[in-house]
Amino acid sequence: MRYPKKIFFGKSAFVIFRDVYEPAEDTFLLAENLSVNQGETVLDMGTGCGILAILAAENAGSVVAVDINPHAVICAKTNIARNGVAGKIRVHRGDLFESILPDEKFDIILFNPPYLPVEADEKDTWIENAWAGGRTGRKVIDRFIDTASKYLAKSGRILFLQSSLSNVEETMKRFSKHNLHAKKICEKKLAFEKIVLIEAKRSQGRSCAHANR
């Protein structure tokens, strides 16, 4: 395969570098159900090629995009420049929230985490780290949920993707422990799993583009 590969979503084009997660059904499910109000602040955790950050930037006042993968950081910056939104998006390299300022708050936090259960906890490549979630699939999921509410604005919301293979009900309970009401707003059936889009917030949510499909 030649790199960089190019993909399209709507009217936007994105290049995908080697060792960077290529947007798939899970990414597109979140993208199709992403609604950003004018001026909102957005955190795109695990930004990958930057597709969600760039889509959010159309209406957002500002976007912070984070990824632990150095190749993803470069890829995201490239796509941000190509799509003309560099003035709205800051890109950081970091493990979850470690690069976010302690007092930063966001109206929307997006995350498509590594959620697939694997036999070994440690992976050798950046691309494997993008999808491998440890033996239960929850290695990154639980760490994210345990911290996310600290960075969420009072009326903010989290849009969070995961697989049915990594215990969706545990995710709902864990959000609840952090005083966030979580609900499934969308799901899509794949061959051996369902991918589920969850919204967690302190106020009521909205419907899903795939809910009646």
N, C-alpha and C. Protein backbone atom coordinates (compact mmCIF):
# COMPACT_ATOMS: atom_id res chain seq x y z
N MET A 1 0.84 -1.20 0.00
CA MET A 1 0.00 0.00 0.00
C MET A 1 0.87 1.25 0.00
N ARG A 2 0.47 2.22 -0.80
CA ARG A 2 1.22 3.47 -0.86
C ARG A 2 0.75 4.40 0.26
N TYR A 3 1.70 5.11 0.85
CA TYR A 3 1.40 6.09 1.88
C TYR A 3 1.94 7.45 1.45
N PRO A 4 1.29 8.55 1.81
CA PRO A 4 0.06 8.54 2.59
C PRO A 4 -1.15 8.14 1.74
N LYS A 5 -2.05 7.41 2.38
CA LYS A 5 -3.32 7.06 1.76
C LYS A 5 -4.27 8.25 1.94
N LYS A 6 -5.24 8.41 1.05
CA LYS A 6 -6.19 9.51 1.17
C LYS A 6 -7.60 8.95 1.33
N ILE A 7 -8.37 9.52 2.27
CA ILE A 7 -9.77 9.17 2.45
C ILE A 7 -10.60 10.45 2.41
N PHE A 8 -11.92 10.27 2.25
CA PHE A 8 -12.82 11.41 2.17
C PHE A 8 -13.97 11.23 3.14
N PHE A 9 -14.42 12.34 3.71
CA PHE A 9 -15.65 12.36 4.50
C PHE A 9 -16.36 13.66 4.19
N GLY A 10 -17.56 13.56 3.63
CA GLY A 10 -18.24 14.76 3.18
C GLY A 10 -17.42 15.46 2.12
N LYS A 11 -17.18 16.74 2.33
CA LYS A 11 -16.40 17.52 1.37
C LYS A 11 -14.93 17.60 1.74
N SER A 12 -14.55 16.93 2.82
CA SER A 12 -13.17 17.04 3.31
C SER A 12 -12.34 15.82 2.93
N ALA A 13 -11.07 16.04 2.68
CA ALA A 13 -10.13 14.96 2.36
C ALA A 13 -9.06 14.89 3.44
N PHE A 14 -8.61 13.67 3.73
CA PHE A 14 -7.63 13.46 4.80
C PHE A 14 -6.58 12.46 4.32
N VAL A 15 -5.32 12.77 4.62
CA VAL A 15 -4.26 11.81 4.32
C VAL A 15 -4.00 10.98 5.58
N ILE A 16 -3.67 9.71 5.38
CA ILE A 16 -3.40 8.79 6.49
C ILE A 16 -1.97 8.30 6.35
N PHE A 17 -1.13 8.64 7.32
CA PHE A 17 0.26 8.22 7.30
C PHE A 17 0.39 6.78 7.81
N ARG A 18 1.49 6.17 7.45
CA ARG A 18 1.81 4.86 8.01
C ARG A 18 1.87 4.95 9.54
N ASP A 19 1.39 3.91 10.22
CA ASP A 19 1.38 3.83 11.69
C ASP A 19 0.33 4.73 12.33
N VAL A 20 -0.64 5.21 11.54
CA VAL A 20 -1.74 6.02 12.07
C VAL A 20 -3.05 5.28 11.77
N TYR A 21 -3.93 5.22 12.77
CA TYR A 21 -5.21 4.52 12.62
C TYR A 21 -6.04 5.15 11.50
N GLU A 22 -6.48 4.29 10.58
CA GLU A 22 -7.32 4.77 9.49
C GLU A 22 -8.78 4.80 9.93
N PRO A 23 -9.46 5.93 9.78
CA PRO A 23 -10.87 6.00 10.18
C PRO A 23 -11.67 4.87 9.57
N ALA A 24 -12.53 4.25 10.41
CA ALA A 24 -13.34 3.12 9.98
C ALA A 24 -14.77 3.33 10.47
N GLU A 25 -15.54 2.23 10.58
CA GLU A 25 -16.95 2.35 10.95
C GLU A 25 -17.16 3.10 12.25
N ASP A 26 -16.27 2.86 13.23
CA ASP A 26 -16.43 3.53 14.53
C ASP A 26 -16.24 5.04 14.40
N THR A 27 -15.18 5.45 13.73
CA THR A 27 -14.93 6.88 13.53
C THR A 27 -16.09 7.55 12.79
N PHE A 28 -16.56 6.90 11.74
CA PHE A 28 -17.63 7.49 10.93
C PHE A 28 -18.95 7.55 11.70
N LEU A 29 -19.18 6.58 12.58
CA LEU A 29 -20.39 6.61 13.39
C LEU A 29 -20.38 7.85 14.29
N LEU A 30 -19.24 8.14 14.88
CA LEU A 30 -19.13 9.33 15.73
C LEU A 30 -19.24 10.59 14.87
N ALA A 31 -18.57 10.59 13.73
CA ALA A 31 -18.59 11.77 12.86
C ALA A 31 -20.01 12.10 12.41
N GLU A 32 -20.80 11.08 12.09
CA GLU A 32 -22.16 11.29 11.61
C GLU A 32 -23.09 11.80 12.71
N ASN A 33 -22.70 11.61 13.95
CA ASN A 33 -23.53 12.03 15.08
C ASN A 33 -22.89 13.15 15.89
N LEU A 34 -21.93 13.82 15.28
CA LEU A 34 -21.23 14.92 15.95
C LEU A 34 -21.94 16.24 15.65
N SER A 35 -22.41 16.89 16.67
CA SER A 35 -23.06 18.20 16.53
C SER A 35 -22.36 19.18 17.47
N VAL A 36 -21.80 20.21 16.91
CA VAL A 36 -21.07 21.22 17.68
C VAL A 36 -21.75 22.56 17.50
N ASN A 37 -22.09 23.19 18.59
CA ASN A 37 -22.70 24.52 18.53
C ASN A 37 -21.64 25.59 18.32
N GLN A 38 -22.06 26.69 17.77
CA GLN A 38 -21.14 27.80 17.50
C GLN A 38 -20.42 28.22 18.79
N GLY A 39 -19.09 28.27 18.69
CA GLY A 39 -18.27 28.79 19.79
C GLY A 39 -17.91 27.79 20.87
N GLU A 40 -18.38 26.54 20.77
CA GLU A 40 -18.07 25.57 21.82
C GLU A 40 -16.60 25.17 21.79
N THR A 41 -16.11 24.74 22.94
CA THR A 41 -14.74 24.24 23.04
C THR A 41 -14.78 22.71 22.99
N VAL A 42 -13.86 22.13 22.24
CA VAL A 42 -13.88 20.69 21.98
C VAL A 42 -12.52 20.09 22.27
N LEU A 43 -12.52 18.93 22.91
CA LEU A 43 -11.31 18.12 23.08
C LEU A 43 -11.49 16.83 22.31
N ASP A 44 -10.62 16.60 21.34
CA ASP A 44 -10.64 15.36 20.57
C ASP A 44 -9.51 14.48 21.07
N MET A 45 -9.86 13.56 21.96
CA MET A 45 -8.88 12.67 22.55
C MET A 45 -8.58 11.52 21.58
N GLY A 46 -7.30 11.18 21.43
CA GLY A 46 -6.93 10.13 20.49
C GLY A 46 -7.28 10.54 19.07
N THR A 47 -6.80 11.70 18.66
CA THR A 47 -7.26 12.33 17.42
C THR A 47 -6.90 11.55 16.16
N GLY A 48 -5.84 10.72 16.20
CA GLY A 48 -5.47 9.97 15.00
C GLY A 48 -5.09 10.91 13.87
N CYS A 49 -5.77 10.77 12.72
CA CYS A 49 -5.47 11.63 11.57
C CYS A 49 -6.08 13.02 11.72
N GLY A 50 -6.87 13.24 12.78
CA GLY A 50 -7.44 14.55 13.03
C GLY A 50 -8.82 14.78 12.46
N ILE A 51 -9.45 13.75 11.93
CA ILE A 51 -10.73 13.92 11.23
C ILE A 51 -11.81 14.54 12.11
N LEU A 52 -11.97 14.05 13.35
CA LEU A 52 -13.03 14.57 14.21
C LEU A 52 -12.74 16.00 14.66
N ALA A 53 -11.49 16.28 14.95
CA ALA A 53 -11.10 17.64 15.33
C ALA A 53 -11.41 18.62 14.21
N ILE A 54 -11.13 18.21 12.99
CA ILE A 54 -11.35 19.09 11.83
C ILE A 54 -12.84 19.30 11.58
N LEU A 55 -13.64 18.25 11.70
CA LEU A 55 -15.08 18.39 11.53
C LEU A 55 -15.66 19.27 12.63
N ALA A 56 -15.17 19.10 13.86
CA ALA A 56 -15.66 19.91 14.98
C ALA A 56 -15.31 21.38 14.79
N ALA A 57 -14.17 21.66 14.17
CA ALA A 57 -13.69 23.03 14.04
C ALA A 57 -14.57 23.89 13.15
N GLU A 58 -15.45 23.28 12.38
CA GLU A 58 -16.34 24.06 11.52
C GLU A 58 -17.18 25.03 12.34
N ASN A 59 -17.67 24.58 13.51
CA ASN A 59 -18.49 25.44 14.36
C ASN A 59 -17.82 25.81 15.68
N ALA A 60 -16.86 25.02 16.11
CA ALA A 60 -16.26 25.23 17.44
C ALA A 60 -15.52 26.56 17.52
N GLY A 61 -15.46 27.09 18.75
CA GLY A 61 -14.62 28.25 18.97
C GLY A 61 -13.16 27.87 18.99
N SER A 62 -12.87 26.70 19.59
CA SER A 62 -11.50 26.18 19.62
C SER A 62 -11.54 24.68 19.84
N VAL A 63 -10.51 24.00 19.35
CA VAL A 63 -10.40 22.55 19.48
C VAL A 63 -8.99 22.21 19.95
N VAL A 64 -8.91 21.28 20.89
CA VAL A 64 -7.63 20.70 21.28
C VAL A 64 -7.64 19.24 20.84
N ALA A 65 -6.63 18.83 20.11
CA ALA A 65 -6.51 17.45 19.62
C ALA A 65 -5.29 16.81 20.27
N VAL A 66 -5.47 15.61 20.82
CA VAL A 66 -4.41 14.93 21.57
C VAL A 66 -4.22 13.51 21.05
N ASP A 67 -2.99 13.08 20.96
CA ASP A 67 -2.71 11.67 20.65
C ASP A 67 -1.35 11.31 21.25
N ILE A 68 -1.23 10.08 21.72
CA ILE A 68 0.03 9.60 22.26
C ILE A 68 1.00 9.18 21.15
N ASN A 69 0.46 8.92 19.97
CA ASN A 69 1.24 8.44 18.83
C ASN A 69 1.90 9.62 18.12
N PRO A 70 3.24 9.68 18.07
CA PRO A 70 3.90 10.82 17.41
C PRO A 70 3.59 10.90 15.92
N HIS A 71 3.35 9.75 15.28
CA HIS A 71 3.00 9.75 13.86
C HIS A 71 1.61 10.36 13.66
N ALA A 72 0.71 10.09 14.58
CA ALA A 72 -0.63 10.66 14.51
C ALA A 72 -0.59 12.18 14.69
N VAL A 73 0.25 12.66 15.58
CA VAL A 73 0.37 14.10 15.80
C VAL A 73 0.79 14.80 14.51
N ILE A 74 1.77 14.24 13.82
CA ILE A 74 2.23 14.83 12.56
C ILE A 74 1.14 14.74 11.50
N CYS A 75 0.47 13.59 11.44
CA CYS A 75 -0.60 13.38 10.46
C CYS A 75 -1.74 14.36 10.70
N ALA A 76 -2.14 14.52 11.96
CA ALA A 76 -3.24 15.44 12.28
C ALA A 76 -2.87 16.87 11.90
N LYS A 77 -1.66 17.29 12.22
CA LYS A 77 -1.23 18.65 11.88
C LYS A 77 -1.25 18.85 10.36
N THR A 78 -0.86 17.83 9.62
CA THR A 78 -0.88 17.91 8.16
C THR A 78 -2.30 18.10 7.65
N ASN A 79 -3.24 17.29 8.17
CA ASN A 79 -4.63 17.39 7.72
C ASN A 79 -5.29 18.69 8.16
N ILE A 80 -4.93 19.17 9.33
CA ILE A 80 -5.47 20.44 9.81
C ILE A 80 -5.05 21.58 8.87
N ALA A 81 -3.79 21.58 8.48
CA ALA A 81 -3.30 22.60 7.54
C ALA A 81 -3.97 22.47 6.18
N ARG A 82 -4.10 21.23 5.71
CA ARG A 82 -4.72 20.99 4.40
C ARG A 82 -6.18 21.44 4.36
N ASN A 83 -6.85 21.37 5.51
CA ASN A 83 -8.27 21.73 5.56
C ASN A 83 -8.51 23.15 6.04
N GLY A 84 -7.44 23.91 6.22
CA GLY A 84 -7.56 25.34 6.49
C GLY A 84 -8.11 25.72 7.85
N VAL A 85 -7.89 24.87 8.87
CA VAL A 85 -8.42 25.19 10.20
C VAL A 85 -7.31 25.26 11.26
N ALA A 86 -6.09 25.52 10.83
CA ALA A 86 -4.96 25.55 11.77
C ALA A 86 -5.14 26.61 12.86
N GLY A 87 -5.86 27.69 12.57
CA GLY A 87 -6.04 28.73 13.56
C GLY A 87 -6.99 28.35 14.68
N LYS A 88 -7.74 27.27 14.51
CA LYS A 88 -8.73 26.86 15.50
C LYS A 88 -8.30 25.66 16.33
N ILE A 89 -7.29 24.92 15.91
CA ILE A 89 -6.96 23.65 16.54
C ILE A 89 -5.54 23.65 17.07
N ARG A 90 -5.37 23.27 18.35
CA ARG A 90 -4.06 23.01 18.93
C ARG A 90 -3.88 21.50 19.03
N VAL A 91 -2.72 21.02 18.64
CA VAL A 91 -2.44 19.59 18.69
C VAL A 91 -1.34 19.33 19.71
N HIS A 92 -1.61 18.38 20.63
CA HIS A 92 -0.63 18.01 21.64
C HIS A 92 -0.34 16.51 21.55
N ARG A 93 0.89 16.14 21.86
CA ARG A 93 1.19 14.74 22.07
C ARG A 93 1.12 14.46 23.57
N GLY A 94 0.40 13.41 23.95
CA GLY A 94 0.31 13.08 25.36
C GLY A 94 -0.52 11.84 25.60
N ASP A 95 -0.37 11.28 26.78
CA ASP A 95 -1.14 10.12 27.21
C ASP A 95 -2.40 10.61 27.91
N LEU A 96 -3.55 10.44 27.25
CA LEU A 96 -4.83 10.94 27.75
C LEU A 96 -4.71 12.42 28.12
N PHE A 97 -4.99 12.77 29.39
CA PHE A 97 -5.11 14.18 29.76
C PHE A 97 -3.80 14.81 30.24
N GLU A 98 -2.69 14.10 30.13
CA GLU A 98 -1.44 14.61 30.71
C GLU A 98 -0.97 15.92 30.08
N SER A 99 -1.36 16.20 28.84
CA SER A 99 -0.92 17.43 28.18
C SER A 99 -1.95 18.55 28.28
N ILE A 100 -3.07 18.30 28.97
CA ILE A 100 -4.12 19.30 29.13
C ILE A 100 -3.88 20.08 30.42
N LEU A 101 -4.05 21.39 30.36
CA LEU A 101 -3.87 22.22 31.55
C LEU A 101 -4.91 21.86 32.61
N PRO A 102 -4.55 21.88 33.89
CA PRO A 102 -5.46 21.44 34.95
C PRO A 102 -6.77 22.20 34.99
N ASP A 103 -6.77 23.47 34.57
CA ASP A 103 -7.99 24.28 34.66
C ASP A 103 -8.74 24.37 33.33
N GLU A 104 -8.31 23.64 32.31
CA GLU A 104 -9.03 23.66 31.03
C GLU A 104 -10.34 22.90 31.14
N LYS A 105 -11.40 23.46 30.57
CA LYS A 105 -12.71 22.82 30.54
C LYS A 105 -13.22 22.81 29.10
N PHE A 106 -13.97 21.76 28.76
CA PHE A 106 -14.45 21.61 27.40
C PHE A 106 -15.95 21.36 27.37
N ASP A 107 -16.60 21.94 26.37
CA ASP A 107 -18.03 21.70 26.18
C ASP A 107 -18.29 20.30 25.62
N ILE A 108 -17.36 19.82 24.81
CA ILE A 108 -17.47 18.48 24.23
C ILE A 108 -16.12 17.78 24.34
N ILE A 109 -16.15 16.54 24.80
CA ILE A 109 -14.97 15.68 24.79
C ILE A 109 -15.29 14.47 23.94
N LEU A 110 -14.48 14.21 22.92
CA LEU A 110 -14.67 13.09 22.01
C LEU A 110 -13.59 12.04 22.27
N PHE A 111 -13.98 10.77 22.23
CA PHE A 111 -12.95 9.73 22.35
C PHE A 111 -13.41 8.44 21.69
N ASN A 112 -12.59 7.97 20.77
CA ASN A 112 -12.74 6.65 20.17
C ASN A 112 -11.51 5.86 20.64
N PRO A 113 -11.59 5.23 21.82
CA PRO A 113 -10.40 4.65 22.46
C PRO A 113 -10.02 3.29 21.88
N PRO A 114 -8.83 2.81 22.21
CA PRO A 114 -8.52 1.40 21.94
C PRO A 114 -9.40 0.53 22.83
N TYR A 115 -10.27 -0.29 22.23
CA TYR A 115 -11.28 -0.99 23.03
C TYR A 115 -11.37 -2.50 22.78
N LEU A 116 -10.55 -3.03 21.90
CA LEU A 116 -10.66 -4.46 21.60
C LEU A 116 -9.84 -5.29 22.59
N PRO A 117 -10.45 -6.33 23.17
CA PRO A 117 -9.69 -7.21 24.07
C PRO A 117 -8.60 -7.96 23.31
N VAL A 118 -7.42 -8.04 23.92
CA VAL A 118 -6.30 -8.78 23.33
C VAL A 118 -5.64 -9.61 24.42
N GLU A 119 -4.94 -10.63 24.03
CA GLU A 119 -4.31 -11.53 25.00
C GLU A 119 -3.18 -10.84 25.76
N ALA A 120 -2.36 -10.07 25.05
CA ALA A 120 -1.23 -9.41 25.71
C ALA A 120 -1.55 -7.96 25.98
N ASP A 121 -1.11 -7.46 27.13
CA ASP A 121 -1.35 -6.06 27.49
C ASP A 121 -0.46 -5.11 26.69
N GLU A 122 0.75 -5.53 26.41
CA GLU A 122 1.69 -4.63 25.75
C GLU A 122 1.73 -4.92 24.26
N LYS A 123 1.66 -3.86 23.45
CA LYS A 123 1.71 -4.00 22.00
C LYS A 123 3.01 -3.38 21.50
N ASP A 124 3.47 -3.89 20.36
CA ASP A 124 4.78 -3.51 19.86
C ASP A 124 4.73 -2.33 18.89
N THR A 125 3.58 -2.04 18.30
CA THR A 125 3.52 -1.01 17.28
C THR A 125 2.50 0.06 17.63
N TRP A 126 2.69 1.25 17.05
CA TRP A 126 1.75 2.34 17.29
C TRP A 126 0.36 1.99 16.78
N ILE A 127 0.27 1.34 15.65
CA ILE A 127 -1.04 1.04 15.08
C ILE A 127 -1.79 0.03 15.94
N GLU A 128 -1.08 -0.94 16.54
CA GLU A 128 -1.74 -1.88 17.45
C GLU A 128 -2.24 -1.17 18.70
N ASN A 129 -1.48 -0.20 19.18
CA ASN A 129 -1.90 0.57 20.35
C ASN A 129 -3.18 1.36 20.09
N ALA A 130 -3.50 1.62 18.83
CA ALA A 130 -4.70 2.39 18.49
C ALA A 130 -5.98 1.59 18.72
N TRP A 131 -5.88 0.25 18.72
CA TRP A 131 -7.11 -0.55 18.89
C TRP A 131 -7.05 -1.54 20.05
N ALA A 132 -5.87 -1.89 20.53
CA ALA A 132 -5.73 -2.93 21.55
C ALA A 132 -5.99 -2.36 22.94
N GLY A 133 -6.99 -2.92 23.64
CA GLY A 133 -7.37 -2.39 24.95
C GLY A 133 -7.02 -3.27 26.13
N GLY A 134 -6.02 -4.14 25.97
CA GLY A 134 -5.68 -5.05 27.07
C GLY A 134 -6.61 -6.26 27.13
N ARG A 135 -6.44 -7.09 28.16
CA ARG A 135 -7.17 -8.37 28.22
C ARG A 135 -8.68 -8.21 28.26
N THR A 136 -9.18 -7.14 28.89
CA THR A 136 -10.63 -6.92 28.96
C THR A 136 -11.11 -5.88 27.96
N GLY A 137 -10.19 -5.24 27.27
CA GLY A 137 -10.55 -4.15 26.37
C GLY A 137 -10.73 -2.83 27.08
N ARG A 138 -10.53 -2.80 28.40
CA ARG A 138 -10.86 -1.62 29.20
C ARG A 138 -9.63 -0.89 29.77
N LYS A 139 -8.46 -1.28 29.32
CA LYS A 139 -7.23 -0.71 29.88
C LYS A 139 -7.21 0.82 29.77
N VAL A 140 -7.61 1.36 28.64
CA VAL A 140 -7.63 2.80 28.44
C VAL A 140 -8.99 3.39 28.79
N ILE A 141 -10.05 2.64 28.51
CA ILE A 141 -11.41 3.10 28.78
C ILE A 141 -11.57 3.56 30.22
N ASP A 142 -11.17 2.73 31.17
CA ASP A 142 -11.37 3.04 32.59
C ASP A 142 -10.54 4.24 33.02
N ARG A 143 -9.33 4.34 32.54
CA ARG A 143 -8.49 5.49 32.87
C ARG A 143 -9.11 6.79 32.36
N PHE A 144 -9.65 6.74 31.17
CA PHE A 144 -10.29 7.93 30.61
C PHE A 144 -11.50 8.36 31.44
N ILE A 145 -12.40 7.42 31.72
CA ILE A 145 -13.63 7.76 32.44
C ILE A 145 -13.31 8.30 33.83
N ASP A 146 -12.29 7.75 34.47
CA ASP A 146 -11.95 8.17 35.83
C ASP A 146 -11.42 9.60 35.90
N THR A 147 -11.05 10.17 34.77
CA THR A 147 -10.47 11.52 34.75
C THR A 147 -11.30 12.54 33.98
N ALA A 148 -12.08 12.09 33.02
CA ALA A 148 -12.71 12.98 32.04
C ALA A 148 -13.58 14.06 32.67
N SER A 149 -14.32 13.74 33.72
CA SER A 149 -15.26 14.70 34.30
C SER A 149 -14.56 15.95 34.83
N LYS A 150 -13.29 15.84 35.20
CA LYS A 150 -12.53 16.99 35.71
C LYS A 150 -12.34 18.06 34.64
N TYR A 151 -12.42 17.66 33.38
CA TYR A 151 -12.17 18.57 32.27
C TYR A 151 -13.43 18.92 31.50
N LEU A 152 -14.56 18.49 32.01
CA LEU A 152 -15.83 18.72 31.33
C LEU A 152 -16.51 19.97 31.90
N ALA A 153 -16.93 20.87 31.03
CA ALA A 153 -17.66 22.05 31.46
C ALA A 153 -18.96 21.65 32.13
N LYS A 154 -19.53 22.56 32.89
CA LYS A 154 -20.72 22.27 33.69
C LYS A 154 -21.86 21.68 32.87
N SER A 155 -22.09 22.23 31.70
CA SER A 155 -23.15 21.73 30.83
C SER A 155 -22.59 20.93 29.66
N GLY A 156 -21.36 20.41 29.84
CA GLY A 156 -20.68 19.72 28.75
C GLY A 156 -21.16 18.30 28.54
N ARG A 157 -20.63 17.67 27.50
CA ARG A 157 -21.01 16.31 27.15
C ARG A 157 -19.80 15.56 26.59
N ILE A 158 -19.82 14.26 26.82
CA ILE A 158 -18.79 13.37 26.31
C ILE A 158 -19.42 12.47 25.26
N LEU A 159 -18.79 12.33 24.12
CA LEU A 159 -19.19 11.35 23.11
C LEU A 159 -18.10 10.31 23.04
N PHE A 160 -18.49 9.07 23.33
CA PHE A 160 -17.52 8.01 23.61
C PHE A 160 -17.92 6.74 22.87
N LEU A 161 -16.98 6.16 22.15
CA LEU A 161 -17.23 4.94 21.37
C LEU A 161 -16.59 3.73 22.02
N GLN A 162 -17.28 2.60 21.93
CA GLN A 162 -16.61 1.36 22.31
C GLN A 162 -17.31 0.17 21.68
N SER A 163 -16.70 -0.98 21.86
CA SER A 163 -17.25 -2.23 21.33
C SER A 163 -18.07 -2.95 22.38
N SER A 164 -19.04 -3.72 21.93
CA SER A 164 -19.80 -4.58 22.83
C SER A 164 -18.92 -5.65 23.46
N LEU A 165 -17.73 -5.86 22.90
CA LEU A 165 -16.80 -6.86 23.43
C LEU A 165 -16.09 -6.38 24.71
N SER A 166 -16.20 -5.09 25.01
CA SER A 166 -15.47 -4.54 26.16
C SER A 166 -16.42 -4.02 27.25
N ASN A 167 -17.58 -4.66 27.39
CA ASN A 167 -18.49 -4.46 28.53
C ASN A 167 -19.05 -3.04 28.59
N VAL A 168 -20.04 -2.80 27.75
CA VAL A 168 -20.67 -1.48 27.68
C VAL A 168 -21.35 -1.11 29.00
N GLU A 169 -21.97 -2.10 29.64
CA GLU A 169 -22.68 -1.80 30.90
C GLU A 169 -21.73 -1.32 31.99
N GLU A 170 -20.51 -1.85 32.00
CA GLU A 170 -19.52 -1.38 32.97
C GLU A 170 -19.18 0.08 32.70
N THR A 171 -19.13 0.45 31.45
CA THR A 171 -18.88 1.85 31.10
C THR A 171 -19.98 2.75 31.63
N MET A 172 -21.23 2.33 31.46
CA MET A 172 -22.36 3.14 31.95
C MET A 172 -22.28 3.32 33.47
N LYS A 173 -21.96 2.23 34.17
CA LYS A 173 -21.85 2.30 35.63
C LYS A 173 -20.69 3.20 36.06
N ARG A 174 -19.60 3.11 35.32
CA ARG A 174 -18.41 3.88 35.71
C ARG A 174 -18.65 5.38 35.51
N PHE A 175 -19.32 5.74 34.41
CA PHE A 175 -19.69 7.14 34.23
C PHE A 175 -20.56 7.61 35.40
N SER A 176 -21.51 6.77 35.79
CA SER A 176 -22.43 7.13 36.88
C SER A 176 -21.67 7.39 38.19
N LYS A 177 -20.62 6.61 38.44
CA LYS A 177 -19.82 6.81 39.66
C LYS A 177 -19.17 8.19 39.70
N HIS A 178 -19.01 8.78 38.52
CA HIS A 178 -18.40 10.11 38.43
C HIS A 178 -19.46 11.18 38.18
N ASN A 179 -20.70 10.86 38.58
CA ASN A 179 -21.82 11.81 38.52
C ASN A 179 -22.14 12.28 37.10
N LEU A 180 -21.96 11.38 36.15
CA LEU A 180 -22.32 11.66 34.77
C LEU A 180 -23.39 10.67 34.33
N HIS A 181 -24.46 11.19 33.76
CA HIS A 181 -25.52 10.33 33.24
C HIS A 181 -25.14 9.89 31.83
N ALA A 182 -25.02 8.59 31.63
CA ALA A 182 -24.61 8.05 30.33
C ALA A 182 -25.77 7.30 29.69
N LYS A 183 -25.87 7.44 28.39
CA LYS A 183 -26.87 6.67 27.65
C LYS A 183 -26.32 6.29 26.27
N LYS A 184 -26.80 5.18 25.77
CA LYS A 184 -26.43 4.76 24.41
C LYS A 184 -27.29 5.56 23.44
N ILE A 185 -26.64 6.29 22.57
CA ILE A 185 -27.41 7.06 21.60
C ILE A 185 -27.36 6.45 20.20
N CYS A 186 -26.49 5.48 20.00
CA CYS A 186 -26.37 4.89 18.68
C CYS A 186 -25.55 3.60 18.74
N GLU A 187 -25.86 2.67 17.86
CA GLU A 187 -25.01 1.48 17.75
C GLU A 187 -25.06 0.97 16.31
N LYS A 188 -24.03 0.23 15.95
CA LYS A 188 -23.94 -0.34 14.61
C LYS A 188 -23.42 -1.75 14.71
N LYS A 189 -24.11 -2.66 14.06
CA LYS A 189 -23.73 -4.08 14.09
C LYS A 189 -22.64 -4.36 13.07
N LEU A 190 -21.59 -5.03 13.52
CA LEU A 190 -20.54 -5.52 12.64
C LEU A 190 -20.54 -7.04 12.71
N ALA A 191 -19.57 -7.67 12.11
CA ALA A 191 -19.58 -9.13 12.00
C ALA A 191 -19.61 -9.83 13.36
N PHE A 192 -18.73 -9.45 14.29
CA PHE A 192 -18.62 -10.16 15.56
C PHE A 192 -18.86 -9.27 16.77
N GLU A 193 -19.35 -8.08 16.55
CA GLU A 193 -19.53 -7.13 17.66
C GLU A 193 -20.50 -6.05 17.24
N LYS A 194 -20.84 -5.21 18.20
CA LYS A 194 -21.54 -3.96 17.92
C LYS A 194 -20.65 -2.83 18.41
N ILE A 195 -20.59 -1.77 17.64
CA ILE A 195 -19.93 -0.57 18.15
C ILE A 195 -21.03 0.35 18.67
N VAL A 196 -20.78 0.90 19.84
CA VAL A 196 -21.80 1.66 20.55
C VAL A 196 -21.29 3.07 20.81
N LEU A 197 -22.13 4.05 20.48
CA LEU A 197 -21.81 5.44 20.77
C LEU A 197 -22.57 5.86 22.03
N ILE A 198 -21.83 6.30 23.02
CA ILE A 198 -22.38 6.67 24.33
C ILE A 198 -22.21 8.17 24.53
N GLU A 199 -23.25 8.78 25.08
CA GLU A 199 -23.17 10.18 25.48
C GLU A 199 -23.27 10.26 26.99
N ALA A 200 -22.35 10.98 27.60
CA ALA A 200 -22.37 11.18 29.05
C ALA A 200 -22.37 12.68 29.31
N LYS A 201 -23.31 13.11 30.15
CA LYS A 201 -23.44 14.54 30.38
C LYS A 201 -24.20 14.82 31.66
N ARG A 202 -24.28 16.09 31.99
CA ARG A 202 -25.01 16.53 33.18
C ARG A 202 -26.37 17.11 32.82
N SER A 203 -26.74 17.02 31.53
CA SER A 203 -28.07 17.46 31.09
C SER A 203 -28.51 16.53 29.98
N GLN A 204 -29.72 16.73 29.43
CA GLN A 204 -30.30 15.78 28.50
C GLN A 204 -29.61 15.80 27.16
N GLY A 205 -29.63 14.62 26.47
CA GLY A 205 -28.95 14.45 25.19
C GLY A 205 -29.84 14.60 24.00
N ARG A 206 -29.38 14.04 22.89
CA ARG A 206 -30.12 14.17 21.64
C ARG A 206 -30.17 12.82 20.94
N SER A 207 -30.87 12.77 19.84
CA SER A 207 -31.07 11.51 19.13
C SER A 207 -29.89 11.21 18.22
N CYS A 208 -29.91 10.01 17.64
CA CYS A 208 -28.79 9.50 16.86
C CYS A 208 -29.15 9.34 15.39
N ALA A 209 -28.24 9.66 14.52
CA ALA A 209 -28.51 9.56 13.09
C ALA A 209 -28.79 8.15 12.64
N HIS A 210 -28.26 7.13 13.37
CA HIS A 210 -28.44 5.74 12.98
C HIS A 210 -29.52 5.06 13.81
N ALA A 211 -30.19 5.79 14.71
CA ALA A 211 -31.05 5.14 15.69
C ALA A 211 -32.17 4.32 15.08
N ASN A 212 -32.69 4.77 13.93
CA ASN A 212 -33.82 4.08 13.33
C ASN A 212 -33.46 3.37 12.04
N ARG A 213 -32.17 3.14 11.84
CA ARG A 213 -31.74 2.48 10.60
C ARG A 213 -31.64 0.98 10.79
